Amino acid sequence: MVKKQPKPSLLVVYYAKLTEIFWMSSSHLYHAYAWLKLFSFQKSFNKNLTQKDLQLIASAVVLAALSVPPYNRG
């Protein structure tokens, strides 16, 4: 519906805020997905990131994914 794509810098800020919102609301799966999207946008559009910064964000993605509780079939 929208003809133009949002700027990558705006999307980075958007997903950074989403990680905070989903963490506070205890939506762990969405929190991990927001971290993954934030990592992918940072990696592809932010050329000023050092390897240490990418490693820090990747660690946050892994920890967020590990914090998702398993599905309970009860």
C-alpha atoms as a PDB file:
ATOM      1  CA  MET A   1       0.000   0.000   0.000  1.00  0.00           C
ATOM      2  CA  VAL A   2       2.865   2.340   0.767  1.00  0.00           C
ATOM      3  CA  LYS A   3       4.877   3.341  -2.283  1.00  0.00           C
ATOM      4  CA  LYS A   4       8.097   4.268  -0.463  1.00  0.00           C
ATOM      5  CA  GLN A   5      10.119   2.139   1.917  1.00  0.00           C
ATOM      6  CA  PRO A   6      11.023   3.718   5.269  1.00  0.00           C
ATOM      7  CA  LYS A   7      14.610   4.784   5.784  1.00  0.00           C
ATOM      8  CA  PRO A   8      16.844   2.099   7.303  1.00  0.00           C
ATOM      9  CA  SER A   9      17.805   4.401  10.186  1.00  0.00           C
ATOM     10  CA  LEU A  10      14.123   4.777  11.066  1.00  0.00           C
ATOM     11  CA  LEU A  11      13.639   1.005  10.960  1.00  0.00           C
ATOM     12  CA  VAL A  12      16.605   0.490  13.292  1.00  0.00           C
ATOM     13  CA  VAL A  13      15.060   2.851  15.838  1.00  0.00           C
ATOM     14  CA  TYR A  14      11.673   1.163  15.372  1.00  0.00           C
ATOM     15  CA  TYR A  15      13.006  -2.338  16.064  1.00  0.00           C
ATOM     16  CA  ALA A  16      15.113  -1.098  18.984  1.00  0.00           C
ATOM     17  CA  LYS A  17      11.955   0.282  20.599  1.00  0.00           C
ATOM     18  CA  LEU A  18      10.072  -2.927  19.790  1.00  0.00           C
ATOM     19  CA  THR A  19      12.650  -4.978  21.682  1.00  0.00           C
ATOM     20  CA  GLU A  20      11.992  -2.881  24.776  1.00  0.00           C
ATOM     21  CA  ILE A  21       8.214  -3.029  24.393  1.00  0.00           C
ATOM     22  CA  PHE A  22       8.118  -6.804  23.902  1.00  0.00           C
ATOM     23  CA  TRP A  23      10.473  -7.375  26.827  1.00  0.00           C
ATOM     24  CA  MET A  24       8.299  -5.328  29.186  1.00  0.00           C
ATOM     25  CA  SER A  25       5.163  -7.108  27.997  1.00  0.00           C
ATOM     26  CA  SER A  26       6.785 -10.555  28.473  1.00  0.00           C
ATOM     27  CA  SER A  27       6.303 -11.478  24.829  1.00  0.00           C
ATOM     28  CA  HIS A  28       9.546 -13.390  24.604  1.00  0.00           C
ATOM     29  CA  LEU A  29       9.064 -14.783  21.108  1.00  0.00           C
ATOM     30  CA  TYR A  30       8.339 -11.358  19.628  1.00  0.00           C
ATOM     31  CA  HIS A  31      11.215  -9.923  21.640  1.00  0.00           C
ATOM     32  CA  ALA A  32      13.628 -12.414  20.069  1.00  0.00           C
ATOM     33  CA  TYR A  33      12.266 -11.714  16.585  1.00  0.00           C
ATOM     34  CA  ALA A  34      12.646  -7.957  17.065  1.00  0.00           C
ATOM     35  CA  TRP A  35      16.280  -8.520  18.109  1.00  0.00           C
ATOM     36  CA  LEU A  36      16.837 -10.617  14.985  1.00  0.00           C
ATOM     37  CA  LYS A  37      15.376  -7.939  12.724  1.00  0.00           C
ATOM     38  CA  LEU A  38      17.406  -5.255  14.508  1.00  0.00           C
ATOM     39  CA  PHE A  39      20.565  -7.296  13.974  1.00  0.00           C
ATOM     40  CA  SER A  40      19.850  -7.803  10.291  1.00  0.00           C
ATOM     41  CA  PHE A  41      19.177  -4.105   9.707  1.00  0.00           C
ATOM     42  CA  GLN A  42      22.262  -3.064  11.654  1.00  0.00           C
ATOM     43  CA  LYS A  43      24.448  -5.527   9.782  1.00  0.00           C
ATOM     44  CA  SER A  44      23.239  -4.578   6.327  1.00  0.00           C
ATOM     45  CA  PHE A  45      22.828  -0.815   6.629  1.00  0.00           C
ATOM     46  CA  ASN A  46      25.215   0.387   9.339  1.00  0.00           C
ATOM     47  CA  LYS A  47      28.707   0.218   7.872  1.00  0.00           C
ATOM     48  CA  ASN A  48      30.301   1.956  10.899  1.00  0.00           C
ATOM     49  CA  LEU A  49      29.768  -1.029  13.220  1.00  0.00           C
ATOM     50  CA  THR A  50      32.860  -2.771  14.468  1.00  0.00           C
ATOM     51  CA  GLN A  51      33.171  -6.519  14.791  1.00  0.00           C
ATOM     52  CA  LYS A  52      32.807  -6.143  18.565  1.00  0.00           C
ATOM     53  CA  ASP A  53      29.482  -4.298  18.139  1.00  0.00           C
ATOM     54  CA  LEU A  54      28.150  -6.963  15.785  1.00  0.00           C
ATOM     55  CA  GLN A  55      29.231  -9.653  18.221  1.00  0.00           C
ATOM     56  CA  LEU A  56      27.418  -7.879  21.058  1.00  0.00           C
ATOM     57  CA  ILE A  57      24.183  -7.598  19.076  1.00  0.00           C
ATOM     58  CA  ALA A  58      24.463 -11.222  17.905  1.00  0.00           C
ATOM     59  CA  SER A  59      24.890 -12.327  21.516  1.00  0.00           C
ATOM     60  CA  ALA A  60      21.725 -10.437  22.430  1.00  0.00           C
ATOM     61  CA  VAL A  61      19.874 -12.228  19.608  1.00  0.00           C
ATOM     62  CA  VAL A  62      21.004 -15.629  20.868  1.00  0.00           C
ATOM     63  CA  LEU A  63      20.134 -14.836  24.475  1.00  0.00           C
ATOM     64  CA  ALA A  64      16.720 -13.527  23.461  1.00  0.00           C
ATOM     65  CA  ALA A  65      16.054 -16.698  21.481  1.00  0.00           C
ATOM     66  CA  LEU A  66      17.124 -18.860  24.413  1.00  0.00           C
ATOM     67  CA  SER A  67      14.806 -16.973  26.766  1.00  0.00           C
ATOM     68  CA  VAL A  68      11.713 -18.046  24.821  1.00  0.00           C
ATOM     69  CA  PRO A  69       9.888 -20.596  26.981  1.00  0.00           C
ATOM     70  CA  PRO A  70       9.076 -23.917  25.298  1.00  0.00           C
ATOM     71  CA  TYR A  71       5.611 -24.524  23.983  1.00  0.00           C
ATOM     72  CA  ASN A  72       3.350 -26.110  26.577  1.00  0.00           C
ATOM     73  CA  ARG A  73       0.792 -28.501  25.139  1.00  0.00           C
ATOM     74  CA  GLY A  74      -1.306 -28.424  28.259  1.00  0.00           C
END
